[in-house]
C-alpha cells in the first residue's frame, strides 16, 4: 500500500465515518494541533533521561492519538449502525485523574510558585514549555470546534489538564537537572 492516495489533492480530507471536509475546517485544525502536540512531546522525550517521566510521556502520546481519533470523528459518527462504538478507545475521567495524580507527585517535590516562570530552565524543560503552549492551542481549537459541532467535554478537559501537567513537568525536569528557573518578577524590572 502506498502512503499517498491523491484523494486530498484538492484540499479535502475524509473524517472517520467517511464525511469529506476541507483541510481548513475547524475539525481538521483541531486534530492537526493535537498531532503537532504529540510530535513536540516526542521531541521533549528525546532530551529526557528519567525513566518514569518517559513512561508517562509515552502513555500521554498514546492518549493523544485517542484524543485525535475522536477529534477526527463527528459525534454523530461515534456509534456504528449496530450500536457499537466506531472507536476502540475514548478518553475518560480515568486519564484525566492520571494526569492529576502525576502532577500532585511532582508538585510535592517542587518549591511553591511565587512568580510566573519564564519558559526555559534547560533544553528539555524548554521543549516541555513549548509543548504546553501547543497544548493550549489544541485546547482552544477544540473549544472553537465545539462552538459549531459537539465535542465531548472530556477531550477539552483532558487537554486543559495536560497543559498543566506539562508546566509542572517542565518545572520538575528543571529541578532534577539542576537547571534554574527564571521568574517574571515585575518588581525586578
C-alpha atoms as a PDB file:
ATOM      1  CA  UNK A   1       0.000   0.000   0.000  1.00  0.00           C
ATOM      2  CA  UNK A   2       1.354   3.409  -0.942  1.00  0.00           C
ATOM      3  CA  UNK A   3       1.331   6.219   1.608  1.00  0.00           C
ATOM      4  CA  UNK A   4      -0.100   8.703  -0.868  1.00  0.00           C
ATOM      5  CA  UNK A   5      -3.697   8.373  -2.008  1.00  0.00           C
ATOM      6  CA  UNK A   6      -4.089  11.612  -4.012  1.00  0.00           C
ATOM      7  CA  UNK A   7      -7.587  11.989  -2.523  1.00  0.00           C
ATOM      8  CA  UNK A   8      -6.554  15.175  -0.713  1.00  0.00           C
ATOM      9  CA  UNK A   9      -5.015  16.935  -3.690  1.00  0.00           C
ATOM     10  CA  UNK A  10      -7.935  19.358  -3.932  1.00  0.00           C
ATOM     11  CA  UNK A  11      -7.832  20.420  -0.289  1.00  0.00           C
ATOM     12  CA  UNK A  12     -10.269  17.951   1.240  1.00  0.00           C
ATOM     13  CA  UNK A  13      -9.820  15.011   3.571  1.00  0.00           C
ATOM     14  CA  UNK A  14     -12.020  12.270   4.976  1.00  0.00           C
ATOM     15  CA  UNK A  15     -13.061  12.108   8.610  1.00  0.00           C
ATOM     16  CA  UNK A  16     -13.799   8.869  10.459  1.00  0.00           C
ATOM     17  CA  UNK A  17     -17.171   7.814   9.158  1.00  0.00           C
ATOM     18  CA  UNK A  18     -16.368   8.904   5.603  1.00  0.00           C
ATOM     19  CA  UNK A  19     -17.507  12.532   5.560  1.00  0.00           C
ATOM     20  CA  UNK A  20     -15.237  14.673   3.375  1.00  0.00           C
ATOM     21  CA  UNK A  21     -14.343  18.144   4.639  1.00  0.00           C
ATOM     22  CA  UNK A  22     -11.977  20.982   3.819  1.00  0.00           C
ATOM     23  CA  UNK A  23      -8.497  20.617   5.238  1.00  0.00           C
ATOM     24  CA  UNK A  24      -9.053  24.138   6.597  1.00  0.00           C
ATOM     25  CA  UNK A  25     -12.079  23.079   8.690  1.00  0.00           C
ATOM     26  CA  UNK A  26     -12.163  23.590  12.446  1.00  0.00           C
ATOM     27  CA  UNK A  27     -12.216  19.817  12.975  1.00  0.00           C
ATOM     28  CA  UNK A  28      -9.120  19.173  10.851  1.00  0.00           C
ATOM     29  CA  UNK A  29      -7.368  22.121  12.520  1.00  0.00           C
ATOM     30  CA  UNK A  30      -8.135  20.668  15.952  1.00  0.00           C
ATOM     31  CA  UNK A  31      -6.731  17.213  15.306  1.00  0.00           C
ATOM     32  CA  UNK A  32      -3.797  18.755  13.431  1.00  0.00           C
ATOM     33  CA  UNK A  33      -2.917  20.732  16.554  1.00  0.00           C
ATOM     34  CA  UNK A  34      -3.196  17.553  18.625  1.00  0.00           C
ATOM     35  CA  UNK A  35      -0.839  15.800  16.194  1.00  0.00           C
ATOM     36  CA  UNK A  36       1.641  18.685  16.429  1.00  0.00           C
ATOM     37  CA  UNK A  37       1.482  18.492  20.224  1.00  0.00           C
ATOM     38  CA  UNK A  38       2.144  14.763  20.118  1.00  0.00           C
ATOM     39  CA  UNK A  39       5.189  15.318  17.900  1.00  0.00           C
ATOM     40  CA  UNK A  40       6.519  18.026  20.199  1.00  0.00           C
ATOM     41  CA  UNK A  41       6.163  15.724  23.187  1.00  0.00           C
ATOM     42  CA  UNK A  42       8.273  13.270  21.179  1.00  0.00           C
ATOM     43  CA  UNK A  43      10.945  15.964  20.783  1.00  0.00           C
ATOM     44  CA  UNK A  44      10.778  16.627  24.523  1.00  0.00           C
ATOM     45  CA  UNK A  45      11.221  12.904  25.261  1.00  0.00           C
ATOM     46  CA  UNK A  46      14.432  12.822  23.240  1.00  0.00           C
ATOM     47  CA  UNK A  47      16.019  15.168  25.824  1.00  0.00           C
ATOM     48  CA  UNK A  48      14.788  13.430  28.998  1.00  0.00           C
ATOM     49  CA  UNK A  49      16.513  10.566  30.806  1.00  0.00           C
ATOM     50  CA  UNK A  50      14.129   9.959  33.729  1.00  0.00           C
ATOM     51  CA  UNK A  51      12.521   6.555  33.051  1.00  0.00           C
ATOM     52  CA  UNK A  52       9.307   7.245  34.988  1.00  0.00           C
ATOM     53  CA  UNK A  53       8.780  10.537  33.149  1.00  0.00           C
ATOM     54  CA  UNK A  54       9.447   8.816  29.810  1.00  0.00           C
ATOM     55  CA  UNK A  55       6.875   6.161  30.702  1.00  0.00           C
ATOM     56  CA  UNK A  56       4.312   8.868  31.491  1.00  0.00           C
ATOM     57  CA  UNK A  57       5.024  10.768  28.280  1.00  0.00           C
ATOM     58  CA  UNK A  58       4.688   7.600  26.208  1.00  0.00           C
ATOM     59  CA  UNK A  59       1.267   6.993  27.795  1.00  0.00           C
ATOM     60  CA  UNK A  60       0.304  10.606  27.060  1.00  0.00           C
ATOM     61  CA  UNK A  61       1.343  10.216  23.419  1.00  0.00           C
ATOM     62  CA  UNK A  62      -0.845   7.114  23.209  1.00  0.00           C
ATOM     63  CA  UNK A  63      -3.729   9.046  24.787  1.00  0.00           C
ATOM     64  CA  UNK A  64      -3.227  11.930  22.356  1.00  0.00           C
ATOM     65  CA  UNK A  65      -3.769   9.507  19.464  1.00  0.00           C
ATOM     66  CA  UNK A  66      -7.023   8.580  21.189  1.00  0.00           C
ATOM     67  CA  UNK A  67      -7.973  12.271  21.549  1.00  0.00           C
ATOM     68  CA  UNK A  68      -7.023  12.907  17.914  1.00  0.00           C
ATOM     69  CA  UNK A  69      -9.049   9.992  16.597  1.00  0.00           C
ATOM     70  CA  UNK A  70     -12.105  11.241  18.428  1.00  0.00           C
ATOM     71  CA  UNK A  71     -11.481  14.809  17.269  1.00  0.00           C
ATOM     72  CA  UNK A  72     -11.451  13.405  13.710  1.00  0.00           C
ATOM     73  CA  UNK A  73     -14.856  11.788  14.242  1.00  0.00           C
ATOM     74  CA  UNK A  74     -18.077  13.790  14.146  1.00  0.00           C
ATOM     75  CA  UNK A  75     -20.193  12.991  17.223  1.00  0.00           C
ATOM     76  CA  UNK A  76     -22.979  11.569  15.064  1.00  0.00           C
ATOM     77  CA  UNK A  77     -20.465   9.060  13.637  1.00  0.00           C
ATOM     78  CA  UNK A  78     -19.086   7.844  17.006  1.00  0.00           C
ATOM     79  CA  UNK A  79     -21.560   4.956  17.059  1.00  0.00           C
ATOM     80  CA  UNK A  80     -21.948   2.409  14.283  1.00  0.00           C
ATOM     81  CA  UNK A  81     -25.364   1.330  12.990  1.00  0.00           C
ATOM     82  CA  UNK A  82     -25.093  -1.835  15.099  1.00  0.00           C
ATOM     83  CA  UNK A  83     -24.792   0.284  18.276  1.00  0.00           C
ATOM     84  CA  UNK A  84     -21.082  -0.350  18.852  1.00  0.00           C
ATOM     85  CA  UNK A  85     -18.511   2.383  19.172  1.00  0.00           C
ATOM     86  CA  UNK A  86     -16.616   3.273  15.994  1.00  0.00           C
ATOM     87  CA  UNK A  87     -13.519   3.950  18.102  1.00  0.00           C
ATOM     88  CA  UNK A  88     -11.853   1.250  20.203  1.00  0.00           C
ATOM     89  CA  UNK A  89     -10.872   3.784  22.902  1.00  0.00           C
ATOM     90  CA  UNK A  90     -12.080   7.135  24.189  1.00  0.00           C
ATOM     91  CA  UNK A  91     -10.649   9.488  26.789  1.00  0.00           C
ATOM     92  CA  UNK A  92     -12.381   9.277  30.155  1.00  0.00           C
ATOM     93  CA  UNK A  93     -12.060  10.684  33.656  1.00  0.00           C
ATOM     94  CA  UNK A  94      -9.506   7.906  34.309  1.00  0.00           C
ATOM     95  CA  UNK A  95      -6.914   9.510  32.015  1.00  0.00           C
ATOM     96  CA  UNK A  96      -7.657  12.973  33.434  1.00  0.00           C
ATOM     97  CA  UNK A  97      -7.199  11.730  37.003  1.00  0.00           C
ATOM     98  CA  UNK A  98      -3.961  10.018  35.980  1.00  0.00           C
ATOM     99  CA  UNK A  99      -2.555  13.393  34.878  1.00  0.00           C
ATOM    100  CA  UNK A 100      -3.683  14.951  38.161  1.00  0.00           C
ATOM    101  CA  UNK A 101      -2.001  12.202  40.198  1.00  0.00           C
ATOM    102  CA  UNK A 102       1.262  12.593  38.287  1.00  0.00           C
ATOM    103  CA  UNK A 103       1.149  16.374  38.790  1.00  0.00           C
ATOM    104  CA  UNK A 104       0.490  16.014  42.506  1.00  0.00           C
ATOM    105  CA  UNK A 105       3.524  13.733  42.872  1.00  0.00           C
ATOM    106  CA  UNK A 106       5.795  16.201  41.039  1.00  0.00           C
ATOM    107  CA  UNK A 107       4.475  19.213  42.944  1.00  0.00           C
ATOM    108  CA  UNK A 108       5.337  17.577  46.281  1.00  0.00           C
ATOM    109  CA  UNK A 109       8.994  17.844  45.195  1.00  0.00           C
ATOM    110  CA  UNK A 110       8.838  21.459  43.979  1.00  0.00           C
ATOM    111  CA  UNK A 111       9.045  24.817  45.698  1.00  0.00           C
ATOM    112  CA  UNK A 112       5.723  26.693  45.696  1.00  0.00           C
ATOM    113  CA  UNK A 113       5.347  29.265  42.929  1.00  0.00           C
ATOM    114  CA  UNK A 114       5.685  32.905  43.890  1.00  0.00           C
ATOM    115  CA  UNK A 115       6.018  34.423  40.413  1.00  0.00           C
ATOM    116  CA  UNK A 116       5.317  33.494  36.824  1.00  0.00           C
ATOM    117  CA  UNK A 117       8.067  31.399  35.273  1.00  0.00           C
ATOM    118  CA  UNK A 118       9.758  32.419  32.055  1.00  0.00           C
ATOM    119  CA  UNK A 119       9.699  29.479  29.609  1.00  0.00           C
ATOM    120  CA  UNK A 120      13.127  27.890  29.871  1.00  0.00           C
ATOM    121  CA  UNK A 121      15.088  26.054  32.520  1.00  0.00           C
ATOM    122  CA  UNK A 122      17.261  23.885  30.284  1.00  0.00           C
ATOM    123  CA  UNK A 123      16.726  22.209  26.928  1.00  0.00           C
ATOM    124  CA  UNK A 124      14.247  19.516  27.997  1.00  0.00           C
ATOM    125  CA  UNK A 125      12.241  21.922  30.161  1.00  0.00           C
ATOM    126  CA  UNK A 126      12.147  24.472  27.334  1.00  0.00           C
ATOM    127  CA  UNK A 127      10.728  21.877  24.938  1.00  0.00           C
ATOM    128  CA  UNK A 128       8.115  20.950  27.549  1.00  0.00           C
ATOM    129  CA  UNK A 129       7.124  24.618  27.908  1.00  0.00           C
ATOM    130  CA  UNK A 130       6.731  24.817  24.120  1.00  0.00           C
ATOM    131  CA  UNK A 131       4.627  21.625  24.188  1.00  0.00           C
ATOM    132  CA  UNK A 132       2.464  23.287  26.865  1.00  0.00           C
ATOM    133  CA  UNK A 133       1.735  26.240  24.588  1.00  0.00           C
ATOM    134  CA  UNK A 134       0.903  23.906  21.692  1.00  0.00           C
ATOM    135  CA  UNK A 135      -1.396  22.021  24.064  1.00  0.00           C
ATOM    136  CA  UNK A 136      -3.185  25.278  24.896  1.00  0.00           C
ATOM    137  CA  UNK A 137      -3.643  25.928  21.158  1.00  0.00           C
ATOM    138  CA  UNK A 138      -5.020  22.420  20.674  1.00  0.00           C
ATOM    139  CA  UNK A 139      -7.409  23.024  23.559  1.00  0.00           C
ATOM    140  CA  UNK A 140      -8.542  26.362  22.074  1.00  0.00           C
ATOM    141  CA  UNK A 141      -9.120  24.722  18.701  1.00  0.00           C
ATOM    142  CA  UNK A 142     -11.349  22.054  20.280  1.00  0.00           C
ATOM    143  CA  UNK A 143     -13.273  24.765  22.128  1.00  0.00           C
ATOM    144  CA  UNK A 144     -13.690  26.615  18.824  1.00  0.00           C
ATOM    145  CA  UNK A 145     -14.880  23.412  17.124  1.00  0.00           C
ATOM    146  CA  UNK A 146     -17.322  22.836  19.992  1.00  0.00           C
ATOM    147  CA  UNK A 147     -18.977  26.171  19.218  1.00  0.00           C
ATOM    148  CA  UNK A 148     -20.264  24.753  15.914  1.00  0.00           C
ATOM    149  CA  UNK A 149     -20.071  20.955  16.353  1.00  0.00           C
ATOM    150  CA  UNK A 150     -20.389  18.997  19.563  1.00  0.00           C
ATOM    151  CA  UNK A 151     -17.176  17.791  21.197  1.00  0.00           C
ATOM    152  CA  UNK A 152     -17.265  15.506  24.212  1.00  0.00           C
ATOM    153  CA  UNK A 153     -16.254  17.649  27.220  1.00  0.00           C
ATOM    154  CA  UNK A 154     -13.701  15.056  28.365  1.00  0.00           C
ATOM    155  CA  UNK A 155     -11.495  15.901  25.372  1.00  0.00           C
ATOM    156  CA  UNK A 156     -11.301  19.572  26.273  1.00  0.00           C
ATOM    157  CA  UNK A 157     -10.824  18.750  29.953  1.00  0.00           C
ATOM    158  CA  UNK A 158      -8.008  16.308  29.114  1.00  0.00           C
ATOM    159  CA  UNK A 159      -6.099  18.920  27.103  1.00  0.00           C
ATOM    160  CA  UNK A 160      -6.657  21.527  29.805  1.00  0.00           C
ATOM    161  CA  UNK A 161      -5.215  19.191  32.412  1.00  0.00           C
ATOM    162  CA  UNK A 162      -2.392  18.098  30.100  1.00  0.00           C
ATOM    163  CA  UNK A 163      -1.184  21.676  29.675  1.00  0.00           C
ATOM    164  CA  UNK A 164      -0.994  21.966  33.480  1.00  0.00           C
ATOM    165  CA  UNK A 165       0.883  18.671  33.631  1.00  0.00           C
ATOM    166  CA  UNK A 166       3.408  19.853  31.020  1.00  0.00           C
ATOM    167  CA  UNK A 167       4.012  23.041  33.040  1.00  0.00           C
ATOM    168  CA  UNK A 168       4.587  21.121  36.269  1.00  0.00           C
ATOM    169  CA  UNK A 169       6.738  18.563  34.467  1.00  0.00           C
ATOM    170  CA  UNK A 170       8.911  21.326  32.967  1.00  0.00           C
ATOM    171  CA  UNK A 171       9.494  22.646  36.487  1.00  0.00           C
ATOM    172  CA  UNK A 172      10.269  19.158  37.796  1.00  0.00           C
ATOM    173  CA  UNK A 173      12.708  18.424  34.966  1.00  0.00           C
ATOM    174  CA  UNK A 174      14.487  21.743  35.614  1.00  0.00           C
ATOM    175  CA  UNK A 175      14.827  20.762  39.256  1.00  0.00           C
ATOM    176  CA  UNK A 176      16.189  17.235  38.711  1.00  0.00           C
ATOM    177  CA  UNK A 177      18.610  18.554  36.066  1.00  0.00           C
ATOM    178  CA  UNK A 178      19.779  21.335  38.414  1.00  0.00           C
ATOM    179  CA  UNK A 179      18.836  23.971  35.838  1.00  0.00           C
ATOM    180  CA  UNK A 180      17.493  27.127  37.496  1.00  0.00           C
ATOM    181  CA  UNK A 181      14.121  28.576  36.591  1.00  0.00           C
ATOM    182  CA  UNK A 182      13.864  32.254  35.723  1.00  0.00           C
ATOM    183  CA  UNK A 183      10.980  34.260  37.098  1.00  0.00           C
ATOM    184  CA  UNK A 184       8.906  37.109  35.797  1.00  0.00           C
ATOM    185  CA  UNK A 185       9.037  39.375  38.795  1.00  0.00           C
ATOM    186  CA  UNK A 186       7.606  42.805  37.903  1.00  0.00           C
ATOM    187  CA  UNK A 187       9.484  44.300  40.878  1.00  0.00           C
ATOM    188  CA  UNK A 188      12.868  43.409  39.338  1.00  0.00           C
ATOM    189  CA  UNK A 189      12.454  45.150  36.007  1.00  0.00           C
END
